[in-house]
PDB file of N, CA and C in Angstrom:
ATOM      1  N   UNK A   1      63.432  38.517  62.602  1.00  0.00           N
ATOM      2  CA  UNK A   1      62.792  36.808  61.753  1.00  0.00           C
ATOM      3  C   UNK A   1      62.303  37.319  60.616  1.00  0.00           C
ATOM      4  N   UNK A   2      62.664  36.165  60.048  1.00  0.00           N
ATOM      5  CA  UNK A   2      63.035  35.934  58.608  1.00  0.00           C
ATOM      6  C   UNK A   2      61.235  35.157  57.769  1.00  0.00           C
ATOM      7  N   UNK A   3      61.161  35.017  57.031  1.00  0.00           N
ATOM      8  CA  UNK A   3      59.622  34.517  56.792  1.00  0.00           C
ATOM      9  C   UNK A   3      59.820  33.050  56.246  1.00  0.00           C
ATOM     10  N   UNK A   4      61.367  32.314  56.391  1.00  0.00           N
ATOM     11  CA  UNK A   4      61.381  30.984  56.793  1.00  0.00           C
ATOM     12  C   UNK A   4      60.509  30.339  58.335  1.00  0.00           C
ATOM     13  N   UNK A   5      60.766  32.120  58.899  1.00  0.00           N
ATOM     14  CA  UNK A   5      60.810  31.527  60.442  1.00  0.00           C
ATOM     15  C   UNK A   5      62.129  31.144  61.404  1.00  0.00           C
ATOM     16  N   UNK A   6      63.407  31.251  60.343  1.00  0.00           N
ATOM     17  CA  UNK A   6      64.719  31.441  61.030  1.00  0.00           C
ATOM     18  C   UNK A   6      64.860  33.135  61.385  1.00  0.00           C
ATOM     19  N   UNK A   7      65.292  32.742  62.449  1.00  0.00           N
ATOM     20  CA  UNK A   7      66.153  34.327  63.010  1.00  0.00           C
ATOM     21  C   UNK A   7      67.580  35.296  62.312  1.00  0.00           C
ATOM     22  N   UNK A   8      66.865  36.711  61.828  1.00  0.00           N
ATOM     23  CA  UNK A   8      67.978  37.202  61.378  1.00  0.00           C
ATOM     24  C   UNK A   8      69.394  37.129  62.805  1.00  0.00           C
ATOM     25  N   UNK A   9      70.372  37.516  62.124  1.00  0.00           N
ATOM     26  CA  UNK A   9      71.708  37.921  62.467  1.00  0.00           C
ATOM     27  C   UNK A   9      72.132  38.490  64.369  1.00  0.00           C
ATOM     28  N   UNK A  10      70.658  40.102  63.463  1.00  0.00           N
ATOM     29  CA  UNK A  10      70.711  40.713  64.539  1.00  0.00           C
ATOM     30  C   UNK A  10      69.400  40.377  66.122  1.00  0.00           C
ATOM     31  N   UNK A  11      68.596  39.822  65.893  1.00  0.00           N
ATOM     32  CA  UNK A  11      67.564  38.546  66.406  1.00  0.00           C
ATOM     33  C   UNK A  11      68.581  37.675  67.604  1.00  0.00           C
ATOM     34  N   UNK A  12      69.882  37.138  67.449  1.00  0.00           N
ATOM     35  CA  UNK A  12      70.412  36.163  67.545  1.00  0.00           C
ATOM     36  C   UNK A  12      71.987  37.294  67.996  1.00  0.00           C
ATOM     37  N   UNK A  13      71.787  38.317  68.102  1.00  0.00           N
ATOM     38  CA  UNK A  13      72.436  39.174  68.452  1.00  0.00           C
ATOM     39  C   UNK A  13      71.638  39.728  70.353  1.00  0.00           C
ATOM     40  N   UNK A  14      70.638  39.428  69.644  1.00  0.00           N
ATOM     41  CA  UNK A  14      70.151  40.367  70.799  1.00  0.00           C
ATOM     42  C   UNK A  14      69.322  39.365  72.001  1.00  0.00           C
ATOM     43  N   UNK A  15      69.409  38.898  71.180  1.00  0.00           N
ATOM     44  CA  UNK A  15      68.905  36.875  71.890  1.00  0.00           C
ATOM     45  C   UNK A  15      69.641  36.747  73.380  1.00  0.00           C
ATOM     46  N   UNK A  16      70.229  37.030  72.400  1.00  0.00           N
ATOM     47  CA  UNK A  16      72.239  35.294  73.592  1.00  0.00           C
ATOM     48  C   UNK A  16      72.581  36.443  74.986  1.00  0.00           C
ATOM     49  N   UNK A  17      72.742  37.720  74.576  1.00  0.00           N
ATOM     50  CA  UNK A  17      72.734  38.920  75.695  1.00  0.00           C
ATOM     51  C   UNK A  17      71.493  38.434  76.733  1.00  0.00           C
ATOM     52  N   UNK A  18      70.388  38.515  76.496  1.00  0.00           N
ATOM     53  CA  UNK A  18      69.255  38.463  76.796  1.00  0.00           C
ATOM     54  C   UNK A  18      69.185  36.969  77.764  1.00  0.00           C
ATOM     55  N   UNK A  19      69.475  36.655  76.949  1.00  0.00           N
ATOM     56  CA  UNK A  19      69.565  35.043  78.421  1.00  0.00           C
ATOM     57  C   UNK A  19      70.220  35.284  79.107  1.00  0.00           C
ATOM     58  N   UNK A  20      71.386  35.880  78.955  1.00  0.00           N
ATOM     59  CA  UNK A  20      72.799  35.643  79.682  1.00  0.00           C
ATOM     60  C   UNK A  20      72.238  37.032  81.188  1.00  0.00           C
ATOM     61  N   UNK A  21      71.285  37.890  80.756  1.00  0.00           N
ATOM     62  CA  UNK A  21      70.512  38.433  81.400  1.00  0.00           C
ATOM     63  C   UNK A  21      70.774  39.612  81.429  1.00  0.00           C
ATOM     64  N   UNK A  22      71.647  40.003  80.609  1.00  0.00           N
ATOM     65  CA  UNK A  22      72.086  41.696  80.439  1.00  0.00           C
ATOM     66  C   UNK A  22      71.126  42.648  80.187  1.00  0.00           C
ATOM     67  N   UNK A  23      70.777  43.972  80.885  1.00  0.00           N
ATOM     68  CA  UNK A  23      69.974  45.070  80.685  1.00  0.00           C
ATOM     69  C   UNK A  23      69.592  44.572  78.856  1.00  0.00           C
ATOM     70  N   UNK A  24      69.062  45.509  78.666  1.00  0.00           N
ATOM     71  CA  UNK A  24      68.276  46.553  77.283  1.00  0.00           C
ATOM     72  C   UNK A  24      69.527  47.020  77.111  1.00  0.00           C
ATOM     73  N   UNK A  25      69.827  47.889  77.986  1.00  0.00           N
ATOM     74  CA  UNK A  25      71.198  49.143  77.250  1.00  0.00           C
ATOM     75  C   UNK A  25      72.383  48.967  76.976  1.00  0.00           C
ATOM     76  N   UNK A  26      72.501  47.685  77.376  1.00  0.00           N
ATOM     77  CA  UNK A  26      73.784  46.978  77.720  1.00  0.00           C
ATOM     78  C   UNK A  26      74.263  45.924  76.367  1.00  0.00           C
ATOM     79  N   UNK A  27      72.770  45.264  75.345  1.00  0.00           N
ATOM     80  CA  UNK A  27      71.983  45.154  74.773  1.00  0.00           C
ATOM     81  C   UNK A  27      72.591  45.520  73.853  1.00  0.00           C
ATOM     82  N   UNK A  28      71.934  46.827  73.666  1.00  0.00           N
ATOM     83  CA  UNK A  28      71.952  47.364  72.557  1.00  0.00           C
ATOM     84  C   UNK A  28      74.065  48.347  72.168  1.00  0.00           C
ATOM     85  N   UNK A  29      73.834  48.473  73.281  1.00  0.00           N
ATOM     86  CA  UNK A  29      75.724  49.829  73.759  1.00  0.00           C
ATOM     87  C   UNK A  29      76.653  48.145  72.731  1.00  0.00           C
ATOM     88  N   UNK A  30      76.123  46.697  72.858  1.00  0.00           N
ATOM     89  CA  UNK A  30      76.428  46.099  72.605  1.00  0.00           C
ATOM     90  C   UNK A  30      76.683  45.423  71.352  1.00  0.00           C
ATOM     91  N   UNK A  31      75.486  45.724  70.599  1.00  0.00           N
ATOM     92  CA  UNK A  31      75.016  44.880  69.602  1.00  0.00           C
ATOM     93  C   UNK A  31      75.360  47.199  68.160  1.00  0.00           C
ATOM     94  N   UNK A  32      75.354  47.231  68.928  1.00  0.00           N
ATOM     95  CA  UNK A  32      75.501  48.326  68.291  1.00  0.00           C
ATOM     96  C   UNK A  32      74.308  49.271  67.533  1.00  0.00           C
ATOM     97  N   UNK A  33      72.902  49.260  68.375  1.00  0.00           N
ATOM     98  CA  UNK A  33      72.079  49.666  68.190  1.00  0.00           C
ATOM     99  C   UNK A  33      70.627  50.628  69.200  1.00  0.00           C
ATOM    100  N   UNK A  34      70.297  50.645  69.654  1.00  0.00           N
ATOM    101  CA  UNK A  34      69.293  52.020  70.163  1.00  0.00           C
ATOM    102  C   UNK A  34      68.556  51.129  71.162  1.00  0.00           C
ATOM    103  N   UNK A  35      68.900  51.630  72.401  1.00  0.00           N
ATOM    104  CA  UNK A  35      67.718  50.119  72.973  1.00  0.00           C
ATOM    105  C   UNK A  35      66.025  49.839  72.640  1.00  0.00           C
ATOM    106  N   UNK A  36      65.327  50.771  72.235  1.00  0.00           N
ATOM    107  CA  UNK A  36      64.050  51.042  72.003  1.00  0.00           C
ATOM    108  C   UNK A  36      64.276  49.491  71.110  1.00  0.00           C
ATOM    109  N   UNK A  37      65.430  49.359  69.697  1.00  0.00           N
ATOM    110  CA  UNK A  37      65.078  48.417  69.218  1.00  0.00           C
ATOM    111  C   UNK A  37      65.258  47.286  69.497  1.00  0.00           C
ATOM    112  N   UNK A  38      66.418  47.285  71.020  1.00  0.00           N
ATOM    113  CA  UNK A  38      66.561  46.321  71.387  1.00  0.00           C
ATOM    114  C   UNK A  38      65.150  45.862  71.820  1.00  0.00           C
ATOM    115  N   UNK A  39      64.193  46.820  72.868  1.00  0.00           N
ATOM    116  CA  UNK A  39      62.708  46.345  73.369  1.00  0.00           C
ATOM    117  C   UNK A  39      61.793  45.671  71.891  1.00  0.00           C
ATOM    118  N   UNK A  40      62.080  46.372  70.754  1.00  0.00           N
ATOM    119  CA  UNK A  40      60.694  46.359  69.583  1.00  0.00           C
ATOM    120  C   UNK A  40      61.270  44.768  69.014  1.00  0.00           C
ATOM    121  N   UNK A  41      62.714  44.711  68.875  1.00  0.00           N
ATOM    122  CA  UNK A  41      63.344  43.574  68.576  1.00  0.00           C
ATOM    123  C   UNK A  41      62.521  42.099  69.130  1.00  0.00           C
ATOM    124  N   UNK A  42      63.139  42.295  70.839  1.00  0.00           N
ATOM    125  CA  UNK A  42      62.307  40.903  71.537  1.00  0.00           C
ATOM    126  C   UNK A  42      61.273  41.395  71.565  1.00  0.00           C
ATOM    127  N   UNK A  43      60.291  42.093  71.535  1.00  0.00           N
ATOM    128  CA  UNK A  43      58.481  42.534  71.438  1.00  0.00           C
ATOM    129  C   UNK A  43      57.933  41.060  70.110  1.00  0.00           C
ATOM    130  N   UNK A  44      58.811  41.865  69.517  1.00  0.00           N
ATOM    131  CA  UNK A  44      58.756  40.890  67.713  1.00  0.00           C
ATOM    132  C   UNK A  44      58.686  38.778  68.523  1.00  0.00           C
ATOM    133  N   UNK A  45      60.141  39.000  68.708  1.00  0.00           N
ATOM    134  CA  UNK A  45      60.205  37.560  69.252  1.00  0.00           C
ATOM    135  C   UNK A  45      59.324  37.194  70.088  1.00  0.00           C
ATOM    136  N   UNK A  46      58.923  37.610  71.170  1.00  0.00           N
ATOM    137  CA  UNK A  46      57.908  37.189  71.943  1.00  0.00           C
ATOM    138  C   UNK A  46      56.594  36.958  71.211  1.00  0.00           C
ATOM    139  N   UNK A  47      56.814  37.991  70.125  1.00  0.00           N
ATOM    140  CA  UNK A  47      54.855  37.320  69.805  1.00  0.00           C
ATOM    141  C   UNK A  47      54.654  36.355  68.723  1.00  0.00           C
ATOM    142  N   UNK A  48      55.918  36.443  68.165  1.00  0.00           N
ATOM    143  CA  UNK A  48      56.261  35.182  67.030  1.00  0.00           C
ATOM    144  C   UNK A  48      56.258  33.756  68.354  1.00  0.00           C
ATOM    145  N   UNK A  49      56.963  34.052  68.840  1.00  0.00           N
ATOM    146  CA  UNK A  49      56.789  32.530  70.258  1.00  0.00           C
ATOM    147  C   UNK A  49      55.983  32.723  70.629  1.00  0.00           C
ATOM    148  N   UNK A  50      54.695  33.350  70.761  1.00  0.00           N
ATOM    149  CA  UNK A  50      53.662  33.318  71.491  1.00  0.00           C
ATOM    150  C   UNK A  50      54.335  33.659  72.937  1.00  0.00           C
ATOM    151  N   UNK A  51      54.551  34.314  73.375  1.00  0.00           N
ATOM    152  CA  UNK A  51      54.596  34.248  75.059  1.00  0.00           C
ATOM    153  C   UNK A  51      54.889  35.469  75.709  1.00  0.00           C
ATOM    154  N   UNK A  52      54.892  36.070  77.046  1.00  0.00           N
ATOM    155  CA  UNK A  52      54.129  37.053  77.112  1.00  0.00           C
ATOM    156  C   UNK A  52      54.959  37.709  78.403  1.00  0.00           C
ATOM    157  N   UNK A  53      56.730  36.745  78.539  1.00  0.00           N
ATOM    158  CA  UNK A  53      57.147  37.147  79.289  1.00  0.00           C
ATOM    159  C   UNK A  53      59.173  36.476  78.224  1.00  0.00           C
ATOM    160  N   UNK A  54      59.908  37.569  78.871  1.00  0.00           N
ATOM    161  CA  UNK A  54      61.488  37.264  78.711  1.00  0.00           C
ATOM    162  C   UNK A  54      61.367  35.887  78.845  1.00  0.00           C
ATOM    163  N   UNK A  55      61.151  35.157  80.210  1.00  0.00           N
ATOM    164  CA  UNK A  55      61.500  34.375  80.781  1.00  0.00           C
ATOM    165  C   UNK A  55      60.994  33.281  80.563  1.00  0.00           C
ATOM    166  N   UNK A  56      59.395  33.464  79.839  1.00  0.00           N
ATOM    167  CA  UNK A  56      59.872  32.399  78.249  1.00  0.00           C
ATOM    168  C   UNK A  56      59.572  32.290  77.237  1.00  0.00           C
ATOM    169  N   UNK A  57      60.184  33.736  76.815  1.00  0.00           N
ATOM    170  CA  UNK A  57      60.943  33.532  75.544  1.00  0.00           C
ATOM    171  C   UNK A  57      62.619  32.858  75.622  1.00  0.00           C
ATOM    172  N   UNK A  58      62.930  32.905  76.289  1.00  0.00           N
ATOM    173  CA  UNK A  58      64.541  31.945  76.729  1.00  0.00           C
ATOM    174  C   UNK A  58      64.356  31.346  76.947  1.00  0.00           C
ATOM    175  N   UNK A  59      62.994  31.106  77.261  1.00  0.00           N
ATOM    176  CA  UNK A  59      62.750  29.468  77.797  1.00  0.00           C
ATOM    177  C   UNK A  59      62.155  28.665  75.974  1.00  0.00           C
ATOM    178  N   UNK A  60      61.596  29.114  75.384  1.00  0.00           N
ATOM    179  CA  UNK A  60      60.770  28.790  74.103  1.00  0.00           C
ATOM    180  C   UNK A  60      62.630  28.489  72.678  1.00  0.00           C
ATOM    181  N   UNK A  61      62.909  29.887  73.076  1.00  0.00           N
ATOM    182  CA  UNK A  61      64.113  29.595  72.124  1.00  0.00           C
ATOM    183  C   UNK A  61      65.346  28.772  73.018  1.00  0.00           C
ATOM    184  N   UNK A  62      65.437  28.168  73.876  1.00  0.00           N
ATOM    185  CA  UNK A  62      65.936  26.967  74.154  1.00  0.00           C
ATOM    186  C   UNK A  62      65.588  25.728  73.620  1.00  0.00           C
ATOM    187  N   UNK A  63      64.232  25.644  73.747  1.00  0.00           N
ATOM    188  CA  UNK A  63      63.099  24.862  73.063  1.00  0.00           C
ATOM    189  C   UNK A  63      63.618  25.019  71.902  1.00  0.00           C
ATOM    190  N   UNK A  64      63.474  25.553  71.323  1.00  0.00           N
ATOM    191  CA  UNK A  64      63.477  25.384  69.743  1.00  0.00           C
ATOM    192  C   UNK A  64      64.675  25.612  69.240  1.00  0.00           C
ATOM    193  N   UNK A  65      65.204  25.946  70.168  1.00  0.00           N
ATOM    194  CA  UNK A  65      67.171  25.510  68.869  1.00  0.00           C
ATOM    195  C   UNK A  65      67.234  26.883  68.276  1.00  0.00           C
ATOM    196  N   UNK A  66      66.367  27.704  68.372  1.00  0.00           N
ATOM    197  CA  UNK A  66      66.735  29.358  68.656  1.00  0.00           C
ATOM    198  C   UNK A  66      67.880  29.950  68.510  1.00  0.00           C
ATOM    199  N   UNK A  67      69.063  29.359  70.096  1.00  0.00           N
ATOM    200  CA  UNK A  67      70.707  29.982  70.026  1.00  0.00           C
ATOM    201  C   UNK A  67      71.051  28.861  70.205  1.00  0.00           C
TER     202      UNK A  67
END
């Protein structure tokens, strides 16, 4: 996430397939990063959204036009 609150390209590339239900390894392969980086990016987005689950992150992402 950028300082202005907008998502980076990689954040969007990680968030989109997560919303489709893909597991971390599949997201990592698709984006070209490690599964651990996927987890770190999603955790950072969850912290920014002040949510504790990926399901809530998906709701927040849709409600706030992150995707």
